[in-house]
Amino acid sequence: MAVLYCAGPGCQRMLSVSVIPGGNPVARADPEHFAVDFLVCTKCRKGFCDRCLPPESAFHKLRSCPECGADLATRAIPHHR
């Protein structure tokens, strides 16, 4: 499991990147601090939780990053260094 922080303005939620089907159970049990549903920019790699970028928002509908305008992808693709 990897954890990223939401890039939404003033957001303190963490984004749970998990290979566990259905998401990490610890993250699911604490929705105030963790998001298991989020979008990540394919260019700048910033992630946005489901509260900062809700499905009804224009950026979510357009799949456009509010920071750089690039495409947004569902969940994160972990970096391997």
PDB file of N, CA and C in Angstrom:
ATOM      1  N   MET A   1       0.841  -1.174   0.000  1.00  0.00           N
ATOM      2  CA  MET A   1       0.000   0.000   0.000  1.00  0.00           C
ATOM      3  C   MET A   1       0.888   1.239   0.000  1.00  0.00           C
ATOM      4  N   ALA A   2       0.463   2.225  -0.741  1.00  0.00           N
ATOM      5  CA  ALA A   2       1.125   3.526  -0.741  1.00  0.00           C
ATOM      6  C   ALA A   2       0.106   4.565  -0.314  1.00  0.00           C
ATOM      7  N   VAL A   3       0.564   5.645   0.251  1.00  0.00           N
ATOM      8  CA  VAL A   3      -0.335   6.720   0.654  1.00  0.00           C
ATOM      9  C   VAL A   3       0.179   8.021   0.062  1.00  0.00           C
ATOM     10  N   LEU A   4      -0.725   8.744  -0.570  1.00  0.00           N
ATOM     11  CA  LEU A   4      -0.436  10.061  -1.113  1.00  0.00           C
ATOM     12  C   LEU A   4      -1.333  11.050  -0.384  1.00  0.00           C
ATOM     13  N   TYR A   5      -1.027  12.322  -0.471  1.00  0.00           N
ATOM     14  CA  TYR A   5      -1.885  13.344   0.107  1.00  0.00           C
ATOM     15  C   TYR A   5      -2.662  14.030  -1.001  1.00  0.00           C
ATOM     16  N   CYS A   6      -3.906  14.381  -0.714  1.00  0.00           N
ATOM     17  CA  CYS A   6      -4.748  15.094  -1.666  1.00  0.00           C
ATOM     18  C   CYS A   6      -4.140  16.468  -1.930  1.00  0.00           C
ATOM     19  N   ALA A   7      -4.177  16.894  -3.194  1.00  0.00           N
ATOM     20  CA  ALA A   7      -3.633  18.191  -3.584  1.00  0.00           C
ATOM     21  C   ALA A   7      -4.691  19.291  -3.560  1.00  0.00           C
ATOM     22  N   GLY A   8      -5.898  18.952  -3.116  1.00  0.00           N
ATOM     23  CA  GLY A   8      -6.955  19.962  -3.029  1.00  0.00           C
ATOM     24  C   GLY A   8      -6.583  21.041  -2.025  1.00  0.00           C
ATOM     25  N   PRO A   9      -7.006  22.276  -2.264  1.00  0.00           N
ATOM     26  CA  PRO A   9      -6.655  23.384  -1.378  1.00  0.00           C
ATOM     27  C   PRO A   9      -7.115  23.137   0.060  1.00  0.00           C
ATOM     28  N   GLY A  10      -6.168  23.101   0.976  1.00  0.00           N
ATOM     29  CA  GLY A  10      -6.464  22.920   2.390  1.00  0.00           C
ATOM     30  C   GLY A  10      -6.901  21.530   2.798  1.00  0.00           C
ATOM     31  N   CYS A  11      -6.908  20.591   1.878  1.00  0.00           N
ATOM     32  CA  CYS A  11      -7.351  19.225   2.191  1.00  0.00           C
ATOM     33  C   CYS A  11      -6.252  18.467   2.928  1.00  0.00           C
ATOM     34  N   GLN A  12      -6.629  17.770   3.965  1.00  0.00           N
ATOM     35  CA  GLN A  12      -5.682  16.990   4.757  1.00  0.00           C
ATOM     36  C   GLN A  12      -5.877  15.483   4.572  1.00  0.00           C
ATOM     37  N   ARG A  13      -6.749  15.087   3.649  1.00  0.00           N
ATOM     38  CA  ARG A  13      -7.013  13.662   3.456  1.00  0.00           C
ATOM     39  C   ARG A  13      -5.858  12.985   2.725  1.00  0.00           C
ATOM     40  N   MET A  14      -5.676  11.720   3.048  1.00  0.00           N
ATOM     41  CA  MET A  14      -4.682  10.899   2.375  1.00  0.00           C
ATOM     42  C   MET A  14      -5.391  10.045   1.331  1.00  0.00           C
ATOM     43  N   LEU A  15      -4.692   9.714   0.263  1.00  0.00           N
ATOM     44  CA  LEU A  15      -5.219   8.892  -0.812  1.00  0.00           C
ATOM     45  C   LEU A  15      -4.602   7.507  -0.689  1.00  0.00           C
ATOM     46  N   SER A  16      -5.435   6.526  -0.466  1.00  0.00           N
ATOM     47  CA  SER A  16      -4.947   5.167  -0.258  1.00  0.00           C
ATOM     48  C   SER A  16      -4.800   4.437  -1.580  1.00  0.00           C
ATOM     49  N   VAL A  17      -3.570   4.145  -1.951  1.00  0.00           N
ATOM     50  CA  VAL A  17      -3.270   3.398  -3.164  1.00  0.00           C
ATOM     51  C   VAL A  17      -3.049   1.955  -2.736  1.00  0.00           C
ATOM     52  N   SER A  18      -3.976   1.087  -3.098  1.00  0.00           N
ATOM     53  CA  SER A  18      -3.926  -0.287  -2.610  1.00  0.00           C
ATOM     54  C   SER A  18      -4.203  -1.265  -3.733  1.00  0.00           C
ATOM     55  N   VAL A  19      -3.566  -2.418  -3.675  1.00  0.00           N
ATOM     56  CA  VAL A  19      -3.835  -3.492  -4.625  1.00  0.00           C
ATOM     57  C   VAL A  19      -4.890  -4.448  -4.075  1.00  0.00           C
ATOM     58  N   ILE A  20      -5.366  -4.187  -2.873  1.00  0.00           N
ATOM     59  CA  ILE A  20      -6.386  -5.022  -2.251  1.00  0.00           C
ATOM     60  C   ILE A  20      -7.718  -4.766  -2.966  1.00  0.00           C
ATOM     61  N   PRO A  21      -8.375  -5.807  -3.469  1.00  0.00           N
ATOM     62  CA  PRO A  21      -9.671  -5.610  -4.118  1.00  0.00           C
ATOM     63  C   PRO A  21     -10.647  -4.906  -3.170  1.00  0.00           C
ATOM     64  N   GLY A  22     -11.271  -3.838  -3.644  1.00  0.00           N
ATOM     65  CA  GLY A  22     -12.189  -3.070  -2.811  1.00  0.00           C
ATOM     66  C   GLY A  22     -11.516  -2.006  -1.977  1.00  0.00           C
ATOM     67  N   GLY A  23     -10.201  -1.953  -1.998  1.00  0.00           N
ATOM     68  CA  GLY A  23      -9.455  -0.936  -1.249  1.00  0.00           C
ATOM     69  C   GLY A  23      -9.003  -1.410   0.112  1.00  0.00           C
ATOM     70  N   ASN A  24      -8.097  -0.677   0.685  1.00  0.00           N
ATOM     71  CA  ASN A  24      -7.551  -0.993   1.997  1.00  0.00           C
ATOM     72  C   ASN A  24      -8.648  -0.869   3.051  1.00  0.00           C
ATOM     73  N   PRO A  25      -8.884  -1.914   3.856  1.00  0.00           N
ATOM     74  CA  PRO A  25      -9.946  -1.861   4.856  1.00  0.00           C
ATOM     75  C   PRO A  25      -9.715  -0.806   5.935  1.00  0.00           C
ATOM     76  N   VAL A  26      -8.475  -0.511   6.281  1.00  0.00           N
ATOM     77  CA  VAL A  26      -8.181   0.530   7.272  1.00  0.00           C
ATOM     78  C   VAL A  26      -8.593   1.895   6.711  1.00  0.00           C
ATOM     79  N   ALA A  27      -8.261   2.152   5.450  1.00  0.00           N
ATOM     80  CA  ALA A  27      -8.631   3.413   4.815  1.00  0.00           C
ATOM     81  C   ALA A  27     -10.143   3.523   4.663  1.00  0.00           C
ATOM     82  N   ARG A  28     -10.790   2.448   4.270  1.00  0.00           N
ATOM     83  CA  ARG A  28     -12.255   2.452   4.122  1.00  0.00           C
ATOM     84  C   ARG A  28     -12.948   2.727   5.452  1.00  0.00           C
ATOM     85  N   ALA A  29     -12.364   2.286   6.540  1.00  0.00           N
ATOM     86  CA  ALA A  29     -12.966   2.469   7.867  1.00  0.00           C
ATOM     87  C   ALA A  29     -12.779   3.896   8.399  1.00  0.00           C
ATOM     88  N   ASP A  30     -11.942   4.694   7.754  1.00  0.00           N
ATOM     89  CA  ASP A  30     -11.662   6.050   8.232  1.00  0.00           C
ATOM     90  C   ASP A  30     -11.796   7.062   7.085  1.00  0.00           C
ATOM     91  N   PRO A  31     -13.028   7.273   6.571  1.00  0.00           N
ATOM     92  CA  PRO A  31     -13.204   8.152   5.416  1.00  0.00           C
ATOM     93  C   PRO A  31     -12.920   9.627   5.680  1.00  0.00           C
ATOM     94  N   GLU A  32     -12.845  10.029   6.932  1.00  0.00           N
ATOM     95  CA  GLU A  32     -12.503  11.422   7.224  1.00  0.00           C
ATOM     96  C   GLU A  32     -11.038  11.714   6.944  1.00  0.00           C
ATOM     97  N   HIS A  33     -10.191  10.689   7.066  1.00  0.00           N
ATOM     98  CA  HIS A  33      -8.757  10.887   6.877  1.00  0.00           C
ATOM     99  C   HIS A  33      -8.195  10.230   5.610  1.00  0.00           C
ATOM    100  N   PHE A  34      -8.936   9.278   5.050  1.00  0.00           N
ATOM    101  CA  PHE A  34      -8.472   8.555   3.862  1.00  0.00           C
ATOM    102  C   PHE A  34      -9.518   8.588   2.756  1.00  0.00           C
ATOM    103  N   ALA A  35      -9.062   8.669   1.527  1.00  0.00           N
ATOM    104  CA  ALA A  35      -9.933   8.528   0.363  1.00  0.00           C
ATOM    105  C   ALA A  35      -9.470   7.301  -0.410  1.00  0.00           C
ATOM    106  N   VAL A  36     -10.400   6.435  -0.760  1.00  0.00           N
ATOM    107  CA  VAL A  36     -10.055   5.296  -1.603  1.00  0.00           C
ATOM    108  C   VAL A  36     -10.498   5.538  -3.043  1.00  0.00           C
ATOM    109  N   ASP A  37     -11.331   6.560  -3.251  1.00  0.00           N
ATOM    110  CA  ASP A  37     -11.750   6.962  -4.587  1.00  0.00           C
ATOM    111  C   ASP A  37     -11.163   8.338  -4.872  1.00  0.00           C
ATOM    112  N   PHE A  38     -10.363   8.409  -5.928  1.00  0.00           N
ATOM    113  CA  PHE A  38      -9.696   9.665  -6.253  1.00  0.00           C
ATOM    114  C   PHE A  38      -9.211   9.644  -7.680  1.00  0.00           C
ATOM    115  N   LEU A  39      -8.791  10.808  -8.159  1.00  0.00           N
ATOM    116  CA  LEU A  39      -8.231  10.949  -9.499  1.00  0.00           C
ATOM    117  C   LEU A  39      -6.815  11.488  -9.387  1.00  0.00           C
ATOM    118  N   VAL A  40      -5.957  11.071 -10.312  1.00  0.00           N
ATOM    119  CA  VAL A  40      -4.559  11.494 -10.316  1.00  0.00           C
ATOM    120  C   VAL A  40      -4.206  12.034 -11.697  1.00  0.00           C
ATOM    121  N   CYS A  41      -3.489  13.145 -11.720  1.00  0.00           N
ATOM    122  CA  CYS A  41      -3.060  13.747 -12.973  1.00  0.00           C
ATOM    123  C   CYS A  41      -1.987  12.881 -13.631  1.00  0.00           C
ATOM    124  N   THR A  42      -2.137  12.673 -14.919  1.00  0.00           N
ATOM    125  CA  THR A  42      -1.174  11.858 -15.656  1.00  0.00           C
ATOM    126  C   THR A  42       0.130  12.608 -15.929  1.00  0.00           C
ATOM    127  N   LYS A  43       0.111  13.937 -15.742  1.00  0.00           N
ATOM    128  CA  LYS A  43       1.318  14.728 -15.998  1.00  0.00           C
ATOM    129  C   LYS A  43       2.002  15.166 -14.698  1.00  0.00           C
ATOM    130  N   CYS A  44       1.303  15.952 -13.886  1.00  0.00           N
ATOM    131  CA  CYS A  44       1.941  16.480 -12.671  1.00  0.00           C
ATOM    132  C   CYS A  44       1.852  15.503 -11.494  1.00  0.00           C
ATOM    133  N   ARG A  45       1.067  14.429 -11.652  1.00  0.00           N
ATOM    134  CA  ARG A  45       0.937  13.332 -10.682  1.00  0.00           C
ATOM    135  C   ARG A  45       0.262  13.757  -9.372  1.00  0.00           C
ATOM    136  N   LYS A  46      -0.390  14.921  -9.330  1.00  0.00           N
ATOM    137  CA  LYS A  46      -1.112  15.324  -8.132  1.00  0.00           C
ATOM    138  C   LYS A  46      -2.424  14.556  -8.075  1.00  0.00           C
ATOM    139  N   GLY A  47      -2.796  14.160  -6.863  1.00  0.00           N
ATOM    140  CA  GLY A  47      -4.024  13.414  -6.668  1.00  0.00           C
ATOM    141  C   GLY A  47      -5.085  14.272  -5.992  1.00  0.00           C
ATOM    142  N   PHE A  48      -6.342  14.009  -6.322  1.00  0.00           N
ATOM    143  CA  PHE A  48      -7.463  14.766  -5.781  1.00  0.00           C
ATOM    144  C   PHE A  48      -8.527  13.801  -5.279  1.00  0.00           C
ATOM    145  N   CYS A  49      -8.900  13.963  -4.000  1.00  0.00           N
ATOM    146  CA  CYS A  49      -9.879  13.063  -3.395  1.00  0.00           C
ATOM    147  C   CYS A  49     -11.275  13.325  -3.944  1.00  0.00           C
ATOM    148  N   ASP A  50     -12.183  12.423  -3.616  1.00  0.00           N
ATOM    149  CA  ASP A  50     -13.557  12.508  -4.091  1.00  0.00           C
ATOM    150  C   ASP A  50     -14.323  13.688  -3.501  1.00  0.00           C
ATOM    151  N   ARG A  51     -13.812  14.310  -2.459  1.00  0.00           N
ATOM    152  CA  ARG A  51     -14.459  15.503  -1.899  1.00  0.00           C
ATOM    153  C   ARG A  51     -13.955  16.773  -2.577  1.00  0.00           C
ATOM    154  N   CYS A  52     -12.680  16.818  -2.892  1.00  0.00           N
ATOM    155  CA  CYS A  52     -12.113  18.000  -3.556  1.00  0.00           C
ATOM    156  C   CYS A  52     -12.459  18.037  -5.039  1.00  0.00           C
ATOM    157  N   LEU A  53     -12.655  16.885  -5.638  1.00  0.00           N
ATOM    158  CA  LEU A  53     -12.998  16.788  -7.050  1.00  0.00           C
ATOM    159  C   LEU A  53     -14.188  15.823  -7.189  1.00  0.00           C
ATOM    160  N   PRO A  54     -15.371  16.239  -6.706  1.00  0.00           N
ATOM    161  CA  PRO A  54     -16.542  15.360  -6.747  1.00  0.00           C
ATOM    162  C   PRO A  54     -16.993  15.097  -8.184  1.00  0.00           C
ATOM    163  N   PRO A  55     -17.708  13.995  -8.402  1.00  0.00           N
ATOM    164  CA  PRO A  55     -18.149  13.635  -9.758  1.00  0.00           C
ATOM    165  C   PRO A  55     -18.933  14.724 -10.483  1.00  0.00           C
ATOM    166  N   GLU A  56     -19.617  15.589  -9.741  1.00  0.00           N
ATOM    167  CA  GLU A  56     -20.403  16.648 -10.391  1.00  0.00           C
ATOM    168  C   GLU A  56     -19.572  17.877 -10.760  1.00  0.00           C
ATOM    169  N   SER A  57     -18.297  17.925 -10.359  1.00  0.00           N
ATOM    170  CA  SER A  57     -17.460  19.083 -10.683  1.00  0.00           C
ATOM    171  C   SER A  57     -17.046  19.071 -12.156  1.00  0.00           C
ATOM    172  N   ALA A  58     -16.818  20.266 -12.676  1.00  0.00           N
ATOM    173  CA  ALA A  58     -16.428  20.393 -14.087  1.00  0.00           C
ATOM    174  C   ALA A  58     -15.112  19.688 -14.379  1.00  0.00           C
ATOM    175  N   PHE A  59     -14.120  19.810 -13.476  1.00  0.00           N
ATOM    176  CA  PHE A  59     -12.827  19.167 -13.717  1.00  0.00           C
ATOM    177  C   PHE A  59     -12.976  17.644 -13.763  1.00  0.00           C
ATOM    178  N   HIS A  60     -13.834  17.095 -12.886  1.00  0.00           N
ATOM    179  CA  HIS A  60     -14.052  15.640 -12.869  1.00  0.00           C
ATOM    180  C   HIS A  60     -14.726  15.200 -14.166  1.00  0.00           C
ATOM    181  N   LYS A  61     -15.745  15.926 -14.575  1.00  0.00           N
ATOM    182  CA  LYS A  61     -16.470  15.572 -15.800  1.00  0.00           C
ATOM    183  C   LYS A  61     -15.574  15.655 -17.029  1.00  0.00           C
ATOM    184  N   LEU A  62     -14.705  16.665 -17.074  1.00  0.00           N
ATOM    185  CA  LEU A  62     -13.803  16.840 -18.215  1.00  0.00           C
ATOM    186  C   LEU A  62     -12.546  15.987 -18.100  1.00  0.00           C
ATOM    187  N   ARG A  63     -12.334  15.388 -16.902  1.00  0.00           N
ATOM    188  CA  ARG A  63     -11.110  14.620 -16.625  1.00  0.00           C
ATOM    189  C   ARG A  63      -9.886  15.489 -16.881  1.00  0.00           C
ATOM    190  N   SER A  64      -9.948  16.724 -16.349  1.00  0.00           N
ATOM    191  CA  SER A  64      -8.883  17.703 -16.551  1.00  0.00           C
ATOM    192  C   SER A  64      -8.321  18.141 -15.199  1.00  0.00           C
ATOM    193  N   CYS A  65      -7.015  18.085 -15.049  1.00  0.00           N
ATOM    194  CA  CYS A  65      -6.360  18.449 -13.800  1.00  0.00           C
ATOM    195  C   CYS A  65      -6.556  19.935 -13.494  1.00  0.00           C
ATOM    196  N   PRO A  66      -7.035  20.276 -12.285  1.00  0.00           N
ATOM    197  CA  PRO A  66      -7.203  21.685 -11.943  1.00  0.00           C
ATOM    198  C   PRO A  66      -5.879  22.429 -11.765  1.00  0.00           C
ATOM    199  N   GLU A  67      -4.767  21.704 -11.654  1.00  0.00           N
ATOM    200  CA  GLU A  67      -3.449  22.330 -11.487  1.00  0.00           C
ATOM    201  C   GLU A  67      -2.770  22.619 -12.824  1.00  0.00           C
ATOM    202  N   CYS A  68      -2.766  21.632 -13.733  1.00  0.00           N
ATOM    203  CA  CYS A  68      -2.010  21.815 -14.980  1.00  0.00           C
ATOM    204  C   CYS A  68      -2.835  21.584 -16.253  1.00  0.00           C
ATOM    205  N   GLY A  69      -4.070  21.104 -16.118  1.00  0.00           N
ATOM    206  CA  GLY A  69      -4.931  20.908 -17.273  1.00  0.00           C
ATOM    207  C   GLY A  69      -4.768  19.586 -17.997  1.00  0.00           C
ATOM    208  N   ALA A  70      -3.816  18.762 -17.588  1.00  0.00           N
ATOM    209  CA  ALA A  70      -3.598  17.457 -18.243  1.00  0.00           C
ATOM    210  C   ALA A  70      -4.725  16.487 -17.874  1.00  0.00           C
ATOM    211  N   ASP A  71      -4.692  15.320 -18.471  1.00  0.00           N
ATOM    212  CA  ASP A  71      -5.710  14.299 -18.224  1.00  0.00           C
ATOM    213  C   ASP A  71      -5.621  13.739 -16.811  1.00  0.00           C
ATOM    214  N   LEU A  72      -6.791  13.400 -16.265  1.00  0.00           N
ATOM    215  CA  LEU A  72      -6.860  12.749 -14.960  1.00  0.00           C
ATOM    216  C   LEU A  72      -7.154  11.270 -15.160  1.00  0.00           C
ATOM    217  N   ALA A  73      -6.539  10.446 -14.343  1.00  0.00           N
ATOM    218  CA  ALA A  73      -6.763   9.006 -14.381  1.00  0.00           C
ATOM    219  C   ALA A  73      -7.398   8.568 -13.063  1.00  0.00           C
ATOM    220  N   THR A  74      -8.183   7.505 -13.114  1.00  0.00           N
ATOM    221  CA  THR A  74      -8.783   6.964 -11.911  1.00  0.00           C
ATOM    222  C   THR A  74      -7.712   6.300 -11.073  1.00  0.00           C
ATOM    223  N   ARG A  75      -7.664   6.683  -9.789  1.00  0.00           N
ATOM    224  CA  ARG A  75      -6.684   6.166  -8.837  1.00  0.00           C
ATOM    225  C   ARG A  75      -5.259   6.470  -9.288  1.00  0.00           C
ATOM    226  N   ALA A  76      -4.310   5.984  -8.562  1.00  0.00           N
ATOM    227  CA  ALA A  76      -2.917   6.304  -8.854  1.00  0.00           C
ATOM    228  C   ALA A  76      -2.181   5.111  -9.437  1.00  0.00           C
ATOM    229  N   ILE A  77      -1.200   5.407 -10.225  1.00  0.00           N
ATOM    230  CA  ILE A  77      -0.282   4.394 -10.713  1.00  0.00           C
ATOM    231  C   ILE A  77       0.995   4.597  -9.923  1.00  0.00           C
ATOM    232  N   PRO A  78       1.297   3.688  -8.978  1.00  0.00           N
ATOM    233  CA  PRO A  78       2.465   3.899  -8.106  1.00  0.00           C
ATOM    234  C   PRO A  78       3.766   4.009  -8.902  1.00  0.00           C
ATOM    235  N   HIS A  79       4.619   4.905  -8.461  1.00  0.00           N
ATOM    236  CA  HIS A  79       5.957   5.042  -9.012  1.00  0.00           C
ATOM    237  C   HIS A  79       6.865   4.006  -8.390  1.00  0.00           C
ATOM    238  N   HIS A  80       7.631   3.326  -9.193  1.00  0.00           N
ATOM    239  CA  HIS A  80       8.648   2.399  -8.658  1.00  0.00           C
ATOM    240  C   HIS A  80       9.999   3.012  -8.934  1.00  0.00           C
ATOM    241  N   ARG A  81      10.750   3.233  -7.861  1.00  0.00           N
ATOM    242  CA  ARG A  81      12.051   3.878  -8.027  1.00  0.00           C
ATOM    243  C   ARG A  81      13.158   2.879  -7.865  1.00  0.00           C
TER     244      ARG A  81
END
